[in-house]
Amino acid sequence: MSLDLAACLRDVDSVKPALILAPGPRESIEDAAATRDRLLVTVYRNVQGNLASYRFEDGSWRASPVKLPKNASMHIAASSNREDHAFIDVAGFLDPNTLWLVEAEAGGAAPVKSLPARFDASGDVVEQFEATSQDGTHVPYFVIRPASLRADGSAPTLLYGYGGFQVSLTPSYLGAAGRLWLEKGGVYVVANIRGGGEFGPEWHQAALKSGRRHAFEDFIAVAEDLIRRDITSPRRLGIMGGSNGGLLMGVMLTQRPDLFHAIVIQVPLLDMLRYHKLLAGASWIAEYGDPTFPMRRCS
């Protein structure tokens, strides 16, 4: 929202705020910064970064999209209210962090400097699909794979997930995974399950406490969708996650061992009966609930 400063100084009670941007159910606002004549806003739409340049004209805000790479994360690195330039940090699964110079007034952008590539990504592509969870929720996920992949279920595939604490798994450069996995012909998958912050607070709150099962069901749905698309098969599918993601891996091991052939459980949170007494566990009660009080099932 925006307010007219001069009008506020005259009579604050009569001021009506002007809407700049209200994110939809599959959007989240990352950050905003003012230049001399424009307002730059980065927004994630279906977990893909977008940049828009806003100008206030005739009593309303008008947006102009800025063309930047797709399937990428974006962050406003630097701006100044003295000129209409800004630096945007852009990174994708196959593209290292690159600093782009944006001409806010003209709407143009050009890369200025990039971190070095850590692996050969010339033969790889990025795709985004959606799986349908048990309650009908559409769960997006990214597939990073060789362009020459045959859809016969034989691809060795590593599926990563977290699903907690409003942590968003937005696109990020796969430096180590690219060298050790993608270059060897493997497929890498990132699941944007509930519990994260990809679509704002509601996406996170859907997996809180007794709703935690939704994160587990979402992850299973992504795995089953990969198999349905013949990208991989249970014999070729491995999964990985740490901390809260380690809890996710533990649940997959006990609930659906038939679905996976390898499970990497990193620094897991597994003792859900005593976690609130260990280390910083008491601060996680808002996420998981208090084990001291048994949950009562409601019919």
Protein backbone atom coordinates (compact mmCIF):
# COMPACT_ATOMS: atom_id res chain seq x y z
CA MET A 1 0.00 0.00 0.00
CA SER A 2 1.07 3.62 -0.44
CA LEU A 3 0.07 6.85 1.27
CA ASP A 4 0.22 10.43 0.02
CA LEU A 5 2.62 12.13 2.44
CA ALA A 6 1.36 15.66 1.73
CA ALA A 7 -2.23 14.55 2.31
CA CYS A 8 -1.22 12.86 5.57
CA LEU A 9 0.34 16.10 6.80
CA ARG A 10 -2.82 18.04 5.95
CA ASP A 11 -5.43 15.66 7.39
CA VAL A 12 -4.35 12.13 8.20
CA ASP A 13 -7.91 10.92 8.93
CA SER A 14 -9.05 11.66 5.39
CA VAL A 15 -6.23 9.81 3.63
CA LYS A 16 -7.12 6.74 1.59
CA PRO A 17 -4.29 4.29 0.93
CA ALA A 18 -3.62 3.28 -2.67
CA LEU A 19 -3.17 -0.39 -3.51
CA ILE A 20 0.15 -1.29 -5.12
CA LEU A 21 0.02 -5.07 -5.08
CA ALA A 22 -2.09 -7.70 -3.30
CA PRO A 23 -0.53 -11.15 -3.75
CA GLY A 24 -2.82 -13.93 -4.95
CA PRO A 25 -3.09 -17.44 -3.48
CA ARG A 26 -0.07 -18.68 -5.48
CA GLU A 27 2.08 -15.59 -4.95
CA SER A 28 4.33 -14.09 -2.30
CA ILE A 29 6.10 -10.73 -2.17
CA GLU A 30 9.87 -11.07 -1.70
CA ASP A 31 11.05 -7.45 -1.37
CA ALA A 32 10.59 -3.90 -2.64
CA ALA A 33 12.85 -0.89 -3.19
CA ALA A 34 12.37 2.66 -4.43
CA THR A 35 14.38 4.30 -7.20
CA ARG A 36 14.03 7.95 -8.23
CA ASP A 37 10.76 7.55 -10.12
CA ARG A 38 9.86 3.88 -9.71
CA LEU A 39 9.08 1.20 -7.17
CA LEU A 40 10.68 -2.18 -7.85
CA VAL A 41 8.95 -5.26 -6.43
CA THR A 42 10.07 -8.89 -6.62
CA VAL A 43 7.24 -11.41 -6.48
CA TYR A 44 7.28 -15.19 -6.55
CA ARG A 45 4.51 -16.61 -8.71
CA ASN A 46 4.23 -20.37 -8.37
CA VAL A 47 7.75 -20.39 -6.85
CA GLN A 48 9.30 -18.50 -9.78
CA GLY A 49 10.81 -15.07 -9.28
CA ASN A 50 9.45 -12.05 -11.17
CA LEU A 51 10.40 -8.38 -11.09
CA ALA A 52 8.00 -5.53 -11.80
CA SER A 53 8.62 -1.78 -12.09
CA TYR A 54 5.76 0.34 -10.71
CA ARG A 55 5.00 3.97 -11.50
CA PHE A 56 2.33 6.12 -9.85
CA GLU A 57 0.17 7.74 -12.56
CA ASP A 58 -3.26 9.34 -12.42
CA GLY A 59 -3.90 8.23 -8.85
CA SER A 60 -2.97 4.55 -9.27
CA TRP A 61 0.08 2.31 -9.58
CA ARG A 62 0.89 0.85 -12.98
CA ALA A 63 3.21 -2.13 -13.30
CA SER A 64 5.66 -2.92 -16.10
CA PRO A 65 7.35 -6.35 -16.08
CA VAL A 66 11.13 -6.50 -16.26
CA LYS A 67 12.43 -9.36 -18.39
CA LEU A 68 14.75 -11.61 -16.39
CA PRO A 69 15.56 -15.35 -16.52
CA LYS A 70 12.79 -17.85 -15.78
CA ASN A 71 12.86 -20.58 -13.13
CA ALA A 72 14.99 -18.30 -10.98
CA SER A 73 15.08 -16.63 -7.60
CA MET A 74 15.44 -12.85 -7.40
CA HIS A 75 16.53 -10.40 -4.76
CA ILE A 76 16.99 -6.63 -4.95
CA ALA A 77 20.66 -6.24 -4.08
CA ALA A 78 20.99 -2.44 -4.26
CA SER A 79 19.01 0.63 -5.32
CA SER A 80 19.07 4.40 -4.91
CA ASN A 81 16.31 6.99 -4.72
CA ARG A 82 18.57 9.37 -6.68
CA GLU A 83 18.48 7.45 -9.97
CA ASP A 84 16.42 4.84 -11.79
CA HIS A 85 18.94 2.01 -11.63
CA ALA A 86 19.07 -1.06 -9.41
CA PHE A 87 21.07 -4.26 -9.05
CA ILE A 88 19.13 -7.54 -8.93
CA ASP A 89 20.69 -10.81 -7.76
CA VAL A 90 19.32 -13.64 -9.94
CA ALA A 91 20.06 -17.36 -9.54
CA GLY A 92 18.64 -20.54 -11.02
CA PHE A 93 19.22 -24.24 -10.57
CA LEU A 94 21.56 -24.27 -13.57
CA ASP A 95 22.72 -20.64 -13.45
CA PRO A 96 25.05 -19.27 -10.74
CA ASN A 97 24.19 -16.04 -8.95
CA THR A 98 24.36 -13.19 -11.45
CA LEU A 99 24.12 -9.47 -10.81
CA TRP A 100 21.77 -7.78 -13.28
CA LEU A 101 21.62 -4.01 -13.83
CA VAL A 102 18.00 -2.91 -14.21
CA GLU A 103 16.95 0.34 -15.87
CA ALA A 104 13.78 0.91 -13.83
CA GLU A 105 12.39 3.64 -16.08
CA ALA A 106 13.07 1.85 -19.36
CA GLY A 107 12.29 -1.62 -18.05
CA GLY A 108 15.46 -3.13 -19.46
CA ALA A 109 17.99 -5.38 -17.74
CA ALA A 110 21.44 -6.75 -18.54
CA PRO A 111 23.83 -9.09 -16.68
CA VAL A 112 26.87 -7.35 -15.19
CA LYS A 113 28.81 -10.00 -13.30
CA SER A 114 28.35 -13.65 -12.36
CA LEU A 115 29.86 -16.18 -10.01
CA PRO A 116 31.76 -18.92 -11.86
CA ALA A 117 29.92 -22.01 -13.06
CA ARG A 118 30.71 -25.10 -11.00
CA PHE A 119 29.50 -27.72 -13.46
CA ASP A 120 28.57 -28.20 -17.11
CA ALA A 121 24.84 -27.44 -17.36
CA SER A 122 24.68 -27.23 -21.17
CA GLY A 123 22.86 -30.55 -21.49
CA ASP A 124 20.34 -29.98 -18.69
CA VAL A 125 16.87 -28.43 -18.51
CA VAL A 126 14.54 -27.25 -15.74
CA GLU A 127 10.84 -28.12 -15.68
CA GLN A 128 8.06 -27.46 -13.20
CA PHE A 129 5.16 -29.82 -12.58
CA GLU A 130 2.33 -30.14 -10.07
CA ALA A 131 1.26 -33.16 -8.08
CA THR A 132 -2.18 -33.56 -6.50
CA SER A 133 -2.03 -34.28 -2.79
CA GLN A 134 -4.47 -36.49 -0.88
CA ASP A 135 -6.84 -33.58 -0.09
CA GLY A 136 -6.74 -32.23 -3.66
CA THR A 137 -4.14 -29.52 -3.09
CA HIS A 138 -1.84 -28.85 -6.07
CA VAL A 139 1.79 -29.12 -5.00
CA PRO A 140 4.47 -27.69 -7.35
CA TYR A 141 7.88 -29.22 -7.80
CA PHE A 142 10.93 -28.60 -9.97
CA VAL A 143 12.66 -31.27 -12.04
CA ILE A 144 16.24 -30.63 -13.13
CA ARG A 145 17.23 -33.28 -15.63
CA PRO A 146 19.28 -34.09 -18.74
CA ALA A 147 17.55 -32.80 -21.86
CA SER A 148 18.06 -36.21 -23.44
CA LEU A 149 16.27 -38.09 -20.65
CA ARG A 150 14.10 -40.99 -21.82
CA ALA A 151 10.76 -41.27 -20.03
CA ASP A 152 11.07 -44.97 -19.27
CA GLY A 153 11.29 -44.85 -15.47
CA SER A 154 14.99 -45.69 -15.39
CA ALA A 155 16.52 -42.34 -14.37
CA PRO A 156 18.32 -42.26 -11.00
CA THR A 157 16.46 -39.49 -9.19
CA LEU A 158 17.11 -37.58 -5.97
CA LEU A 159 14.05 -35.88 -4.45
CA TYR A 160 14.65 -33.16 -1.83
CA GLY A 161 12.09 -31.73 0.60
CA TYR A 162 11.76 -29.69 3.80
CA GLY A 163 8.23 -28.46 4.45
CA GLY A 164 8.40 -26.48 7.67
CA PHE A 165 8.97 -23.20 9.50
CA GLN A 166 7.80 -21.17 6.49
CA VAL A 167 11.10 -21.91 4.70
CA SER A 168 10.68 -21.51 0.94
CA LEU A 169 12.64 -23.77 -1.41
CA THR A 170 13.05 -21.27 -4.22
CA PRO A 171 15.43 -21.94 -7.14
CA SER A 172 19.11 -21.87 -6.13
CA TYR A 173 22.29 -22.82 -7.92
CA LEU A 174 23.07 -26.55 -7.70
CA GLY A 175 26.85 -26.20 -7.60
CA ALA A 176 27.77 -29.38 -5.70
CA ALA A 177 24.74 -31.40 -6.80
CA GLY A 178 25.38 -30.36 -10.38
CA ARG A 179 28.96 -31.64 -10.34
CA LEU A 180 28.29 -34.81 -8.34
CA TRP A 181 24.81 -35.76 -9.59
CA LEU A 182 23.59 -33.95 -12.70
CA GLU A 183 26.86 -34.35 -14.62
CA LYS A 184 26.59 -38.11 -14.03
CA GLY A 185 23.13 -38.24 -15.60
CA GLY A 186 21.04 -38.02 -12.45
CA VAL A 187 17.76 -36.16 -12.03
CA TYR A 188 17.35 -33.69 -9.14
CA VAL A 189 13.89 -32.75 -7.84
CA VAL A 190 12.81 -30.05 -5.35
CA ALA A 191 9.35 -30.45 -3.79
CA ASN A 192 7.57 -27.28 -2.62
CA ILE A 193 5.35 -29.01 -0.07
CA ARG A 194 3.16 -27.35 2.53
CA GLY A 195 4.86 -26.14 5.68
CA GLY A 196 7.12 -23.90 3.63
CA GLY A 197 6.51 -20.25 2.82
CA GLU A 198 6.27 -20.50 -0.97
CA PHE A 199 2.68 -19.19 -1.03
CA GLY A 200 2.64 -17.10 2.11
CA PRO A 201 1.47 -17.82 5.67
CA GLU A 202 -1.44 -20.09 4.70
CA TRP A 203 0.89 -22.56 2.95
CA HIS A 204 2.91 -22.75 6.16
CA GLN A 205 -0.01 -22.88 8.56
CA ALA A 206 -1.63 -25.74 6.66
CA ALA A 207 1.10 -28.06 8.01
CA LEU A 208 1.26 -26.82 11.59
CA LYS A 209 0.70 -29.17 14.54
CA SER A 210 -2.03 -31.69 13.68
CA GLY A 211 -1.82 -30.52 10.06
CA ARG A 212 1.76 -31.82 9.75
CA ARG A 213 0.43 -34.84 7.86
CA HIS A 214 -0.26 -32.53 4.90
CA ALA A 215 3.49 -32.01 4.39
CA PHE A 216 3.98 -35.79 4.39
CA GLU A 217 1.08 -36.39 2.01
CA ASP A 218 2.38 -33.68 -0.34
CA PHE A 219 5.81 -35.28 -0.49
CA ILE A 220 4.36 -38.70 -1.21
CA ALA A 221 2.20 -37.16 -3.95
CA VAL A 222 5.29 -35.65 -5.62
CA ALA A 223 7.11 -38.99 -5.50
CA GLU A 224 4.13 -40.79 -6.99
CA ASP A 225 3.79 -38.14 -9.69
CA LEU A 226 7.44 -38.60 -10.70
CA ILE A 227 6.78 -42.32 -11.09
CA ARG A 228 3.53 -41.73 -12.97
CA ARG A 229 5.37 -39.53 -15.47
CA ASP A 230 7.94 -42.31 -16.00
CA ILE A 231 10.74 -40.01 -14.93
CA THR A 232 11.84 -42.61 -12.40
CA SER A 233 10.66 -45.69 -10.48
CA PRO A 234 10.79 -46.81 -6.83
CA ARG A 235 13.92 -48.82 -7.64
CA ARG A 236 15.63 -45.64 -8.92
CA LEU A 237 14.20 -43.06 -6.51
CA GLY A 238 16.12 -41.68 -3.52
CA ILE A 239 15.08 -38.90 -1.15
CA MET A 240 16.96 -36.49 1.11
CA GLY A 241 16.18 -33.96 3.83
CA GLY A 242 17.69 -32.51 7.00
CA SER A 243 16.47 -31.30 10.40
CA ASN A 244 12.73 -30.76 9.87
CA GLY A 245 13.39 -32.40 6.51
CA GLY A 246 14.99 -35.25 8.45
CA LEU A 247 11.69 -35.73 10.26
CA LEU A 248 10.06 -35.85 6.82
CA MET A 249 12.53 -38.53 5.74
CA GLY A 250 11.88 -40.55 8.89
CA VAL A 251 8.15 -40.52 8.20
CA MET A 252 8.74 -41.61 4.60
CA LEU A 253 10.88 -44.50 5.87
CA THR A 254 8.14 -45.75 8.22
CA GLN A 255 5.06 -44.92 6.12
CA ARG A 256 6.12 -45.60 2.52
CA PRO A 257 9.29 -47.71 2.38
CA ASP A 258 7.89 -49.26 -0.80
CA LEU A 259 8.18 -45.95 -2.63
CA PHE A 260 11.92 -45.32 -2.22
CA HIS A 261 15.15 -47.26 -2.61
CA ALA A 262 17.43 -44.87 -0.71
CA ILE A 263 16.73 -42.34 2.06
CA VAL A 264 19.29 -39.82 3.29
CA ILE A 265 18.30 -38.53 6.75
CA GLN A 266 20.43 -35.52 7.73
CA VAL A 267 20.59 -34.18 11.32
CA PRO A 268 17.03 -35.43 11.84
CA LEU A 269 14.43 -34.30 14.32
CA LEU A 270 12.91 -37.69 15.16
CA ASP A 271 12.12 -37.81 18.90
CA MET A 272 8.76 -36.07 18.77
CA LEU A 273 7.90 -37.12 22.34
CA ARG A 274 10.88 -35.33 23.93
CA TYR A 275 11.97 -32.75 21.34
CA HIS A 276 10.63 -29.87 23.48
CA LYS A 277 13.13 -30.80 26.22
CA LEU A 278 16.17 -30.94 23.91
CA LEU A 279 18.33 -27.97 22.88
CA ALA A 280 16.11 -25.29 21.29
CA GLY A 281 13.14 -27.66 21.09
CA ALA A 282 10.86 -25.57 23.29
CA SER A 283 10.88 -22.87 20.61
CA TRP A 284 9.43 -25.36 18.09
CA ILE A 285 6.19 -26.03 19.98
CA ALA A 286 4.35 -23.49 17.81
CA GLU A 287 5.34 -25.59 14.78
CA TYR A 288 4.73 -29.13 16.05
CA GLY A 289 2.53 -28.75 19.13
CA ASP A 290 3.27 -29.62 22.75
CA PRO A 291 3.84 -33.37 23.37
CA THR A 292 2.84 -32.80 27.01
CA PHE A 293 -0.79 -32.53 25.95
CA PRO A 294 -2.11 -35.50 23.89
CA MET A 295 -3.97 -34.47 20.75
CA ARG A 296 -7.68 -35.22 20.87
CA ARG A 297 -9.26 -36.47 17.69
CA CYS A 298 -12.38 -34.67 16.58
CA SER A 299 -15.05 -36.63 14.76
